[in-house]
PDB file of N, CA and C in Angstrom:
ATOM      1  N   UNK A   1       0.706  -1.180  -0.043  1.00  0.00           N
ATOM      2  CA  UNK A   1       0.036  -0.060  -0.011  1.00  0.00           C
ATOM      3  C   UNK A   1       0.917   1.269   0.070  1.00  0.00           C
ATOM      4  N   UNK A   2       1.814   1.227   0.680  1.00  0.00           N
ATOM      5  CA  UNK A   2       2.850   2.328   0.848  1.00  0.00           C
ATOM      6  C   UNK A   2       3.426   2.680  -0.623  1.00  0.00           C
ATOM      7  N   UNK A   3       3.556   1.513  -1.254  1.00  0.00           N
ATOM      8  CA  UNK A   3       4.210   1.967  -2.616  1.00  0.00           C
ATOM      9  C   UNK A   3       3.182   2.464  -3.567  1.00  0.00           C
ATOM     10  N   UNK A   4       1.919   2.151  -3.403  1.00  0.00           N
ATOM     11  CA  UNK A   4       0.896   2.686  -4.256  1.00  0.00           C
ATOM     12  C   UNK A   4       0.663   4.214  -3.924  1.00  0.00           C
ATOM     13  N   UNK A   5       0.740   4.407  -2.537  1.00  0.00           N
ATOM     14  CA  UNK A   5       0.469   5.944  -2.122  1.00  0.00           C
ATOM     15  C   UNK A   5       1.822   6.595  -2.563  1.00  0.00           C
ATOM     16  N   UNK A   6       2.852   6.158  -2.443  1.00  0.00           N
ATOM     17  CA  UNK A   6       4.109   6.751  -2.975  1.00  0.00           C
ATOM     18  C   UNK A   6       4.196   7.171  -4.578  1.00  0.00           C
ATOM     19  N   UNK A   7       3.680   5.921  -5.320  1.00  0.00           N
ATOM     20  CA  UNK A   7       3.481   6.170  -6.735  1.00  0.00           C
ATOM     21  C   UNK A   7       2.586   7.390  -7.046  1.00  0.00           C
ATOM     22  N   UNK A   8       1.338   7.216  -6.165  1.00  0.00           N
ATOM     23  CA  UNK A   8       0.221   8.229  -6.437  1.00  0.00           C
ATOM     24  C   UNK A   8       0.768   9.605  -5.985  1.00  0.00           C
ATOM     25  N   UNK A   9       1.497   9.696  -4.956  1.00  0.00           N
ATOM     26  CA  UNK A   9       2.168  10.921  -4.610  1.00  0.00           C
ATOM     27  C   UNK A   9       3.087  11.470  -5.697  1.00  0.00           C
ATOM     28  N   UNK A  10       3.884  10.650  -6.156  1.00  0.00           N
ATOM     29  CA  UNK A  10       4.890  11.038  -7.254  1.00  0.00           C
ATOM     30  C   UNK A  10       4.014  11.684  -8.368  1.00  0.00           C
ATOM     31  N   UNK A  11       2.764  10.858  -8.704  1.00  0.00           N
ATOM     32  CA  UNK A  11       2.167  11.255  -9.918  1.00  0.00           C
ATOM     33  C   UNK A  11       1.322  12.421  -9.799  1.00  0.00           C
ATOM     34  N   UNK A  12       0.986  12.661  -8.599  1.00  0.00           N
ATOM     35  CA  UNK A  12       0.374  14.052  -8.355  1.00  0.00           C
ATOM     36  C   UNK A  12       1.295  15.212  -8.289  1.00  0.00           C
ATOM     37  N   UNK A  13       2.458  14.803  -7.564  1.00  0.00           N
ATOM     38  CA  UNK A  13       3.462  15.859  -7.648  1.00  0.00           C
ATOM     39  C   UNK A  13       3.930  16.337  -9.091  1.00  0.00           C
ATOM     40  N   UNK A  14       4.182  15.098  -9.932  1.00  0.00           N
ATOM     41  CA  UNK A  14       4.495  15.371 -11.331  1.00  0.00           C
ATOM     42  C   UNK A  14       3.529  16.141 -12.112  1.00  0.00           C
ATOM     43  N   UNK A  15       2.150  15.844 -11.709  1.00  0.00           N
ATOM     44  CA  UNK A  15       0.977  16.770 -12.415  1.00  0.00           C
ATOM     45  C   UNK A  15       1.164  18.073 -11.996  1.00  0.00           C
ATOM     46  N   UNK A  16       1.415  18.238 -10.592  1.00  0.00           N
ATOM     47  CA  UNK A  16       1.385  19.750 -10.217  1.00  0.00           C
ATOM     48  C   UNK A  16       2.889  20.574 -10.947  1.00  0.00           C
ATOM     49  N   UNK A  17       3.646  19.752 -10.814  1.00  0.00           N
ATOM     50  CA  UNK A  17       4.935  20.360 -11.414  1.00  0.00           C
ATOM     51  C   UNK A  17       4.618  20.530 -12.963  1.00  0.00           C
ATOM     52  N   UNK A  18       4.034  19.704 -13.620  1.00  0.00           N
ATOM     53  CA  UNK A  18       3.698  20.081 -15.162  1.00  0.00           C
ATOM     54  C   UNK A  18       2.914  21.335 -15.284  1.00  0.00           C
ATOM     55  N   UNK A  19       1.833  21.433 -14.445  1.00  0.00           N
ATOM     56  CA  UNK A  19       1.080  22.612 -14.439  1.00  0.00           C
ATOM     57  C   UNK A  19       1.779  23.853 -13.913  1.00  0.00           C
ATOM     58  N   UNK A  20       2.594  23.832 -12.965  1.00  0.00           N
ATOM     59  CA  UNK A  20       3.568  24.940 -12.859  1.00  0.00           C
ATOM     60  C   UNK A  20       4.405  25.256 -13.755  1.00  0.00           C
ATOM     61  N   UNK A  21       5.056  24.252 -14.556  1.00  0.00           N
ATOM     62  CA  UNK A  21       5.814  24.328 -15.623  1.00  0.00           C
ATOM     63  C   UNK A  21       5.097  25.047 -16.722  1.00  0.00           C
ATOM     64  N   UNK A  22       3.830  24.870 -17.026  1.00  0.00           N
ATOM     65  CA  UNK A  22       3.127  25.388 -18.171  1.00  0.00           C
ATOM     66  C   UNK A  22       2.914  26.765 -17.823  1.00  0.00           C
ATOM     67  N   UNK A  23       2.437  27.200 -16.579  1.00  0.00           N
ATOM     68  CA  UNK A  23       2.369  28.434 -16.174  1.00  0.00           C
ATOM     69  C   UNK A  23       3.438  29.274 -16.147  1.00  0.00           C
ATOM     70  N   UNK A  24       4.714  28.636 -15.713  1.00  0.00           N
ATOM     71  CA  UNK A  24       5.891  29.425 -15.961  1.00  0.00           C
ATOM     72  C   UNK A  24       6.297  29.523 -17.466  1.00  0.00           C
ATOM     73  N   UNK A  25       6.072  28.756 -18.370  1.00  0.00           N
ATOM     74  CA  UNK A  25       6.137  28.764 -19.849  1.00  0.00           C
ATOM     75  C   UNK A  25       5.498  29.923 -20.160  1.00  0.00           C
ATOM     76  N   UNK A  26       4.102  29.999 -19.854  1.00  0.00           N
ATOM     77  CA  UNK A  26       3.234  31.170 -20.362  1.00  0.00           C
ATOM     78  C   UNK A  26       3.827  32.485 -19.839  1.00  0.00           C
ATOM     79  N   UNK A  27       4.236  32.528 -18.587  1.00  0.00           N
ATOM     80  CA  UNK A  27       4.715  33.692 -18.128  1.00  0.00           C
ATOM     81  C   UNK A  27       6.108  34.184 -18.893  1.00  0.00           C
ATOM     82  N   UNK A  28       6.707  33.164 -19.120  1.00  0.00           N
ATOM     83  CA  UNK A  28       7.994  33.309 -19.960  1.00  0.00           C
ATOM     84  C   UNK A  28       7.736  33.953 -21.351  1.00  0.00           C
ATOM     85  N   UNK A  29       6.806  33.225 -21.946  1.00  0.00           N
ATOM     86  CA  UNK A  29       6.462  33.628 -23.312  1.00  0.00           C
ATOM     87  C   UNK A  29       5.940  35.121 -23.248  1.00  0.00           C
ATOM     88  N   UNK A  30       5.160  35.402 -22.085  1.00  0.00           N
ATOM     89  CA  UNK A  30       4.419  37.067 -22.019  1.00  0.00           C
ATOM     90  C   UNK A  30       5.790  37.757 -21.815  1.00  0.00           C
ATOM     91  N   UNK A  31       6.842  37.491 -20.975  1.00  0.00           N
ATOM     92  CA  UNK A  31       7.944  38.278 -20.878  1.00  0.00           C
ATOM     93  C   UNK A  31       8.879  38.510 -21.943  1.00  0.00           C
ATOM     94  N   UNK A  32       8.972  37.460 -22.855  1.00  0.00           N
ATOM     95  CA  UNK A  32       9.495  37.436 -23.924  1.00  0.00           C
ATOM     96  C   UNK A  32       9.097  38.402 -24.919  1.00  0.00           C
ATOM     97  N   UNK A  33       7.662  38.433 -25.023  1.00  0.00           N
ATOM     98  CA  UNK A  33       7.088  39.228 -25.912  1.00  0.00           C
ATOM     99  C   UNK A  33       7.084  40.650 -25.443  1.00  0.00           C
ATOM    100  N   UNK A  34       7.140  40.913 -24.270  1.00  0.00           N
ATOM    101  CA  UNK A  34       7.256  42.305 -23.657  1.00  0.00           C
ATOM    102  C   UNK A  34       8.665  42.702 -23.935  1.00  0.00           C
ATOM    103  N   UNK A  35       9.707  41.881 -23.813  1.00  0.00           N
ATOM    104  CA  UNK A  35      11.205  42.257 -24.007  1.00  0.00           C
ATOM    105  C   UNK A  35      11.282  42.522 -25.463  1.00  0.00           C
ATOM    106  N   UNK A  36      10.770  41.599 -26.336  1.00  0.00           N
ATOM    107  CA  UNK A  36      11.054  42.036 -27.811  1.00  0.00           C
ATOM    108  C   UNK A  36      10.343  43.147 -28.087  1.00  0.00           C
ATOM    109  N   UNK A  37       9.273  43.531 -27.550  1.00  0.00           N
ATOM    110  CA  UNK A  37       8.561  44.799 -27.962  1.00  0.00           C
ATOM    111  C   UNK A  37       9.526  45.963 -27.407  1.00  0.00           C
ATOM    112  N   UNK A  38       9.998  45.947 -26.115  1.00  0.00           N
ATOM    113  CA  UNK A  38      10.848  47.000 -25.661  1.00  0.00           C
ATOM    114  C   UNK A  38      12.253  47.096 -26.565  1.00  0.00           C
ATOM    115  N   UNK A  39      12.593  45.943 -26.816  1.00  0.00           N
ATOM    116  CA  UNK A  39      13.806  45.829 -27.768  1.00  0.00           C
ATOM    117  C   UNK A  39      13.685  46.530 -29.070  1.00  0.00           C
ATOM    118  N   UNK A  40      12.469  46.232 -29.537  1.00  0.00           N
ATOM    119  CA  UNK A  40      12.224  47.010 -30.923  1.00  0.00           C
ATOM    120  C   UNK A  40      12.005  48.344 -30.707  1.00  0.00           C
ATOM    121  N   UNK A  41      11.202  48.788 -29.751  1.00  0.00           N
ATOM    122  CA  UNK A  41      11.278  50.253 -29.348  1.00  0.00           C
ATOM    123  C   UNK A  41      12.731  50.918 -29.167  1.00  0.00           C
ATOM    124  N   UNK A  42      13.534  50.102 -28.388  1.00  0.00           N
ATOM    125  CA  UNK A  42      14.903  50.736 -28.371  1.00  0.00           C
ATOM    126  C   UNK A  42      15.557  50.786 -29.634  1.00  0.00           C
ATOM    127  N   UNK A  43      15.350  49.766 -30.487  1.00  0.00           N
ATOM    128  CA  UNK A  43      16.213  49.786 -31.784  1.00  0.00           C
ATOM    129  C   UNK A  43      15.554  50.940 -32.526  1.00  0.00           C
ATOM    130  N   UNK A  44      14.153  51.185 -32.546  1.00  0.00           N
ATOM    131  CA  UNK A  44      13.586  52.453 -33.294  1.00  0.00           C
ATOM    132  C   UNK A  44      14.178  53.661 -32.718  1.00  0.00           C
ATOM    133  N   UNK A  45      14.564  53.802 -31.382  1.00  0.00           N
ATOM    134  CA  UNK A  45      14.871  54.958 -31.126  1.00  0.00           C
ATOM    135  C   UNK A  45      16.417  55.183 -31.433  1.00  0.00           C
ATOM    136  N   UNK A  46      17.198  54.120 -31.481  1.00  0.00           N
ATOM    137  CA  UNK A  46      18.546  54.212 -31.951  1.00  0.00           C
ATOM    138  C   UNK A  46      18.559  54.462 -33.438  1.00  0.00           C
ATOM    139  N   UNK A  47      17.657  54.124 -34.246  1.00  0.00           N
ATOM    140  CA  UNK A  47      17.611  54.389 -35.643  1.00  0.00           C
ATOM    141  C   UNK A  47      17.264  55.933 -35.685  1.00  0.00           C
ATOM    142  N   UNK A  48      16.339  56.385 -34.932  1.00  0.00           N
ATOM    143  CA  UNK A  48      15.997  57.954 -35.226  1.00  0.00           C
ATOM    144  C   UNK A  48      17.237  58.903 -34.506  1.00  0.00           C
ATOM    145  N   UNK A  49      17.821  58.155 -33.451  1.00  0.00           N
ATOM    146  CA  UNK A  49      19.085  59.027 -32.969  1.00  0.00           C
ATOM    147  C   UNK A  49      20.122  58.991 -34.193  1.00  0.00           C
ATOM    148  N   UNK A  50      20.289  57.887 -34.984  1.00  0.00           N
ATOM    149  CA  UNK A  50      21.407  57.943 -35.915  1.00  0.00           C
ATOM    150  C   UNK A  50      20.928  58.843 -36.977  1.00  0.00           C
ATOM    151  N   UNK A  51      19.588  58.904 -37.480  1.00  0.00           N
ATOM    152  CA  UNK A  51      19.091  59.918 -38.487  1.00  0.00           C
ATOM    153  C   UNK A  51      19.392  61.178 -37.909  1.00  0.00           C
ATOM    154  N   UNK A  52      19.241  61.566 -36.660  1.00  0.00           N
ATOM    155  CA  UNK A  52      19.483  62.979 -36.288  1.00  0.00           C
ATOM    156  C   UNK A  52      20.896  63.213 -36.071  1.00  0.00           C
ATOM    157  N   UNK A  53      21.681  62.324 -35.872  1.00  0.00           N
ATOM    158  CA  UNK A  53      23.164  62.434 -36.050  1.00  0.00           C
ATOM    159  C   UNK A  53      23.571  62.617 -37.436  1.00  0.00           C
ATOM    160  N   UNK A  54      23.113  62.210 -38.404  1.00  0.00           N
ATOM    161  CA  UNK A  54      23.451  62.277 -39.914  1.00  0.00           C
ATOM    162  C   UNK A  54      23.033  63.652 -40.005  1.00  0.00           C
ATOM    163  N   UNK A  55      22.000  64.192 -39.725  1.00  0.00           N
ATOM    164  CA  UNK A  55      21.269  65.476 -40.246  1.00  0.00           C
ATOM    165  C   UNK A  55      22.232  66.432 -39.440  1.00  0.00           C
ATOM    166  N   UNK A  56      22.758  66.276 -38.164  1.00  0.00           N
ATOM    167  CA  UNK A  56      23.364  67.298 -37.329  1.00  0.00           C
ATOM    168  C   UNK A  56      24.818  67.332 -37.949  1.00  0.00           C
ATOM    169  N   UNK A  57      25.346  66.237 -38.400  1.00  0.00           N
ATOM    170  CA  UNK A  57      26.572  66.301 -38.978  1.00  0.00           C
ATOM    171  C   UNK A  57      26.677  67.029 -40.491  1.00  0.00           C
ATOM    172  N   UNK A  58      25.659  66.902 -41.188  1.00  0.00           N
ATOM    173  CA  UNK A  58      25.473  67.447 -42.370  1.00  0.00           C
ATOM    174  C   UNK A  58      25.383  68.978 -42.271  1.00  0.00           C
ATOM    175  N   UNK A  59      24.454  69.508 -41.264  1.00  0.00           N
ATOM    176  CA  UNK A  59      24.292  70.874 -40.929  1.00  0.00           C
ATOM    177  C   UNK A  59      25.528  71.584 -40.515  1.00  0.00           C
ATOM    178  N   UNK A  60      26.471  70.673 -39.605  1.00  0.00           N
ATOM    179  CA  UNK A  60      27.747  71.248 -39.131  1.00  0.00           C
ATOM    180  C   UNK A  60      28.632  71.248 -40.210  1.00  0.00           C
ATOM    181  N   UNK A  61      28.516  70.369 -41.272  1.00  0.00           N
ATOM    182  CA  UNK A  61      29.375  70.499 -42.445  1.00  0.00           C
ATOM    183  C   UNK A  61      29.180  71.724 -43.411  1.00  0.00           C
ATOM    184  N   UNK A  62      27.711  71.949 -43.415  1.00  0.00           N
ATOM    185  CA  UNK A  62      27.402  73.231 -44.143  1.00  0.00           C
ATOM    186  C   UNK A  62      27.835  74.422 -43.343  1.00  0.00           C
ATOM    187  N   UNK A  63      27.729  74.341 -41.997  1.00  0.00           N
ATOM    188  CA  UNK A  63      28.092  75.591 -41.157  1.00  0.00           C
ATOM    189  C   UNK A  63      29.536  75.777 -41.481  1.00  0.00           C
ATOM    190  N   UNK A  64      30.392  74.842 -41.437  1.00  0.00           N
ATOM    191  CA  UNK A  64      31.826  74.944 -41.551  1.00  0.00           C
ATOM    192  C   UNK A  64      32.129  75.560 -42.805  1.00  0.00           C
ATOM    193  N   UNK A  65      31.465  75.152 -43.797  1.00  0.00           N
ATOM    194  CA  UNK A  65      31.697  75.872 -45.247  1.00  0.00           C
ATOM    195  C   UNK A  65      31.380  77.104 -45.347  1.00  0.00           C
ATOM    196  N   UNK A  66      30.012  77.448 -44.385  1.00  0.00           N
ATOM    197  CA  UNK A  66      29.712  79.044 -44.529  1.00  0.00           C
ATOM    198  C   UNK A  66      30.730  79.748 -43.819  1.00  0.00           C
ATOM    199  N   UNK A  67      31.191  79.100 -42.711  1.00  0.00           N
ATOM    200  CA  UNK A  67      32.203  80.002 -41.724  1.00  0.00           C
ATOM    201  C   UNK A  67      33.517  80.036 -42.722  1.00  0.00           C
ATOM    202  N   UNK A  68      33.926  79.218 -43.533  1.00  0.00           N
ATOM    203  CA  UNK A  68      35.207  79.336 -44.337  1.00  0.00           C
ATOM    204  C   UNK A  68      34.767  80.637 -45.326  1.00  0.00           C
ATOM    205  N   UNK A  69      33.632  80.648 -46.065  1.00  0.00           N
ATOM    206  CA  UNK A  69      33.272  81.632 -46.906  1.00  0.00           C
ATOM    207  C   UNK A  69      33.244  83.028 -46.184  1.00  0.00           C
ATOM    208  N   UNK A  70      32.754  83.078 -45.077  1.00  0.00           N
ATOM    209  CA  UNK A  70      32.758  84.256 -44.281  1.00  0.00           C
ATOM    210  C   UNK A  70      33.951  84.772 -43.846  1.00  0.00           C
ATOM    211  N   UNK A  71      35.013  83.886 -43.575  1.00  0.00           N
ATOM    212  CA  UNK A  71      36.251  84.262 -43.184  1.00  0.00           C
ATOM    213  C   UNK A  71      36.982  84.972 -44.322  1.00  0.00           C
ATOM    214  N   UNK A  72      36.763  84.190 -45.544  1.00  0.00           N
ATOM    215  CA  UNK A  72      37.358  84.743 -46.864  1.00  0.00           C
ATOM    216  C   UNK A  72      36.896  86.335 -47.250  1.00  0.00           C
ATOM    217  N   UNK A  73      35.419  86.190 -46.887  1.00  0.00           N
ATOM    218  CA  UNK A  73      34.811  87.627 -47.246  1.00  0.00           C
ATOM    219  C   UNK A  73      35.484  88.713 -46.133  1.00  0.00           C
ATOM    220  N   UNK A  74      35.659  88.331 -44.926  1.00  0.00           N
ATOM    221  CA  UNK A  74      36.204  89.240 -43.950  1.00  0.00           C
ATOM    222  C   UNK A  74      37.676  89.620 -44.457  1.00  0.00           C
ATOM    223  N   UNK A  75      38.403  88.665 -44.784  1.00  0.00           N
ATOM    224  CA  UNK A  75      39.788  88.986 -45.287  1.00  0.00           C
ATOM    225  C   UNK A  75      39.754  89.958 -46.455  1.00  0.00           C
ATOM    226  N   UNK A  76      38.800  89.797 -47.276  1.00  0.00           N
ATOM    227  CA  UNK A  76      38.850  90.646 -48.522  1.00  0.00           C
ATOM    228  C   UNK A  76      38.433  92.205 -47.938  1.00  0.00           C
ATOM    229  N   UNK A  77      37.423  92.118 -47.161  1.00  0.00           N
ATOM    230  CA  UNK A  77      36.958  93.302 -46.495  1.00  0.00           C
ATOM    231  C   UNK A  77      37.939  94.241 -45.777  1.00  0.00           C
ATOM    232  N   UNK A  78      38.751  93.188 -45.112  1.00  0.00           N
ATOM    233  CA  UNK A  78      39.902  93.873 -44.312  1.00  0.00           C
ATOM    234  C   UNK A  78      40.941  94.576 -45.351  1.00  0.00           C
ATOM    235  N   UNK A  79      41.211  93.889 -46.258  1.00  0.00           N
ATOM    236  CA  UNK A  79      42.109  94.364 -47.287  1.00  0.00           C
ATOM    237  C   UNK A  79      41.503  95.535 -47.860  1.00  0.00           C
ATOM    238  N   UNK A  80      40.306  95.461 -48.227  1.00  0.00           N
ATOM    239  CA  UNK A  80      39.597  96.896 -48.833  1.00  0.00           C
ATOM    240  C   UNK A  80      39.801  97.824 -47.992  1.00  0.00           C
ATOM    241  N   UNK A  81      39.391  97.682 -46.680  1.00  0.00           N
ATOM    242  CA  UNK A  81      39.413  98.783 -45.666  1.00  0.00           C
ATOM    243  C   UNK A  81      40.857  99.431 -45.371  1.00  0.00           C
ATOM    244  N   UNK A  82      41.869  98.330 -45.625  1.00  0.00           N
ATOM    245  CA  UNK A  82      43.309  98.818 -45.404  1.00  0.00           C
ATOM    246  C   UNK A  82      43.467  99.846 -46.817  1.00  0.00           C
ATOM    247  N   UNK A  83      43.137  99.453 -47.880  1.00  0.00           N
ATOM    248  CA  UNK A  83      43.435 100.341 -49.140  1.00  0.00           C
ATOM    249  C   UNK A  83      42.593 101.750 -48.992  1.00  0.00           C
ATOM    250  N   UNK A  84      41.466 101.525 -48.369  1.00  0.00           N
ATOM    251  CA  UNK A  84      40.632 102.794 -48.322  1.00  0.00           C
ATOM    252  C   UNK A  84      41.374 103.654 -47.332  1.00  0.00           C
ATOM    253  N   UNK A  85      41.980 103.172 -46.045  1.00  0.00           N
ATOM    254  CA  UNK A  85      42.426 103.930 -45.224  1.00  0.00           C
ATOM    255  C   UNK A  85      43.684 104.685 -45.795  1.00  0.00           C
ATOM    256  N   UNK A  86      44.358 103.979 -46.453  1.00  0.00           N
ATOM    257  CA  UNK A  86      45.616 104.531 -47.172  1.00  0.00           C
ATOM    258  C   UNK A  86      45.207 105.493 -48.076  1.00  0.00           C
ATOM    259  N   UNK A  87      44.125 105.334 -48.961  1.00  0.00           N
ATOM    260  CA  UNK A  87      43.729 106.273 -49.761  1.00  0.00           C
ATOM    261  C   UNK A  87      43.291 107.518 -49.255  1.00  0.00           C
ATOM    262  N   UNK A  88      42.465 107.397 -47.837  1.00  0.00           N
ATOM    263  CA  UNK A  88      42.216 108.396 -47.188  1.00  0.00           C
ATOM    264  C   UNK A  88      43.164 109.387 -46.504  1.00  0.00           C
ATOM    265  N   UNK A  89      44.308 108.532 -46.157  1.00  0.00           N
ATOM    266  CA  UNK A  89      45.542 109.153 -45.591  1.00  0.00           C
ATOM    267  C   UNK A  89      46.171 110.055 -46.685  1.00  0.00           C
ATOM    268  N   UNK A  90      46.202 109.621 -47.997  1.00  0.00           N
ATOM    269  CA  UNK A  90      46.857 110.255 -49.121  1.00  0.00           C
ATOM    270  C   UNK A  90      45.916 111.460 -49.458  1.00  0.00           C
ATOM    271  N   UNK A  91      44.653 111.409 -49.343  1.00  0.00           N
ATOM    272  CA  UNK A  91      43.836 112.387 -49.797  1.00  0.00           C
ATOM    273  C   UNK A  91      43.911 113.529 -48.735  1.00  0.00           C
ATOM    274  N   UNK A  92      43.909 113.066 -47.400  1.00  0.00           N
ATOM    275  CA  UNK A  92      44.237 114.008 -46.356  1.00  0.00           C
ATOM    276  C   UNK A  92      45.408 114.980 -46.391  1.00  0.00           C
ATOM    277  N   UNK A  93      46.602 114.150 -46.738  1.00  0.00           N
ATOM    278  CA  UNK A  93      47.842 114.733 -47.012  1.00  0.00           C
ATOM    279  C   UNK A  93      47.748 115.744 -48.164  1.00  0.00           C
ATOM    280  N   UNK A  94      47.264 115.386 -49.214  1.00  0.00           N
ATOM    281  CA  UNK A  94      47.198 116.350 -50.406  1.00  0.00           C
ATOM    282  C   UNK A  94      46.152 117.648 -49.961  1.00  0.00           C
ATOM    283  N   UNK A  95      45.120 117.317 -49.154  1.00  0.00           N
ATOM    284  CA  UNK A  95      44.311 118.416 -48.725  1.00  0.00           C
ATOM    285  C   UNK A  95      45.059 119.320 -47.829  1.00  0.00           C
ATOM    286  N   UNK A  96      45.720 118.981 -46.948  1.00  0.00           N
ATOM    287  CA  UNK A  96      46.607 119.797 -46.135  1.00  0.00           C
ATOM    288  C   UNK A  96      47.551 120.614 -46.820  1.00  0.00           C
ATOM    289  N   UNK A  97      48.322 119.924 -47.840  1.00  0.00           N
ATOM    290  CA  UNK A  97      49.258 120.573 -48.593  1.00  0.00           C
ATOM    291  C   UNK A  97      48.689 121.665 -49.377  1.00  0.00           C
ATOM    292  N   UNK A  98      47.368 121.497 -49.819  1.00  0.00           N
ATOM    293  CA  UNK A  98      46.641 122.556 -50.683  1.00  0.00           C
ATOM    294  C   UNK A  98      46.391 123.878 -49.772  1.00  0.00           C
ATOM    295  N   UNK A  99      45.689 123.322 -48.516  1.00  0.00           N
ATOM    296  CA  UNK A  99      45.426 124.373 -47.577  1.00  0.00           C
ATOM    297  C   UNK A  99      46.621 125.106 -47.165  1.00  0.00           C
ATOM    298  N   UNK A 100      47.779 124.554 -46.891  1.00  0.00           N
ATOM    299  CA  UNK A 100      48.855 125.322 -46.571  1.00  0.00           C
ATOM    300  C   UNK A 100      49.460 126.159 -47.703  1.00  0.00           C
ATOM    301  N   UNK A 101      49.425 125.620 -48.913  1.00  0.00           N
ATOM    302  CA  UNK A 101      49.895 126.298 -50.135  1.00  0.00           C
ATOM    303  C   UNK A 101      49.088 127.728 -50.222  1.00  0.00           C
ATOM    304  N   UNK A 102      47.734 127.638 -49.922  1.00  0.00           N
ATOM    305  CA  UNK A 102      46.742 128.755 -50.066  1.00  0.00           C
ATOM    306  C   UNK A 102      46.969 129.626 -48.962  1.00  0.00           C
ATOM    307  N   UNK A 103      47.488 129.248 -47.683  1.00  0.00           N
ATOM    308  CA  UNK A 103      47.710 130.137 -46.762  1.00  0.00           C
ATOM    309  C   UNK A 103      48.936 130.868 -47.023  1.00  0.00           C
ATOM    310  N   UNK A 104      49.906 130.245 -47.435  1.00  0.00           N
ATOM    311  CA  UNK A 104      51.229 130.918 -47.482  1.00  0.00           C
ATOM    312  C   UNK A 104      51.369 131.827 -48.875  1.00  0.00           C
ATOM    313  N   UNK A 105      50.499 131.415 -49.842  1.00  0.00           N
ATOM    314  CA  UNK A 105      50.487 132.043 -51.032  1.00  0.00           C
ATOM    315  C   UNK A 105      49.348 133.091 -50.980  1.00  0.00           C
ATOM    316  N   UNK A 106      49.572 134.366 -50.590  1.00  0.00           N
ATOM    317  CA  UNK A 106      48.589 135.252 -50.497  1.00  0.00           C
ATOM    318  C   UNK A 106      48.242 136.025 -51.892  1.00  0.00           C
ATOM    319  N   UNK A 107      48.319 135.265 -52.881  1.00  0.00           N
ATOM    320  CA  UNK A 107      47.799 135.707 -54.240  1.00  0.00           C
ATOM    321  C   UNK A 107      48.851 136.797 -54.758  1.00  0.00           C
ATOM    322  N   UNK A 108      50.201 136.595 -54.586  1.00  0.00           N
ATOM    323  CA  UNK A 108      51.047 137.585 -54.819  1.00  0.00           C
ATOM    324  C   UNK A 108      51.218 138.583 -53.955  1.00  0.00           C
ATOM    325  N   UNK A 109      50.809 138.698 -52.748  1.00  0.00           N
ATOM    326  CA  UNK A 109      51.063 139.650 -51.852  1.00  0.00           C
ATOM    327  C   UNK A 109      52.122 139.145 -50.802  1.00  0.00           C
TER     328      UNK A 109
END
């Protein structure tokens, strides 16, 4: 009789274990689905981040090119300004010479 009870106990325990195993598998499947969903979400976020990074790098390259053009324009402007200042100094010198000659030359007097 003890053997029959033991066998019966073992069979009941095995049946309970199988039920627990099925529940565990269901929970595991549910967890895997949530994990996959989250993983797909993270992958989407990474893809979006990479797109943003590419756009940022493109804009940065455009900005660098514009900066180079601006620097070249500034150099040209500085050179023009130096020429203008030199021309202005020459004009001032000539004007002072003219004024001085008119002061000292009293029209023959």
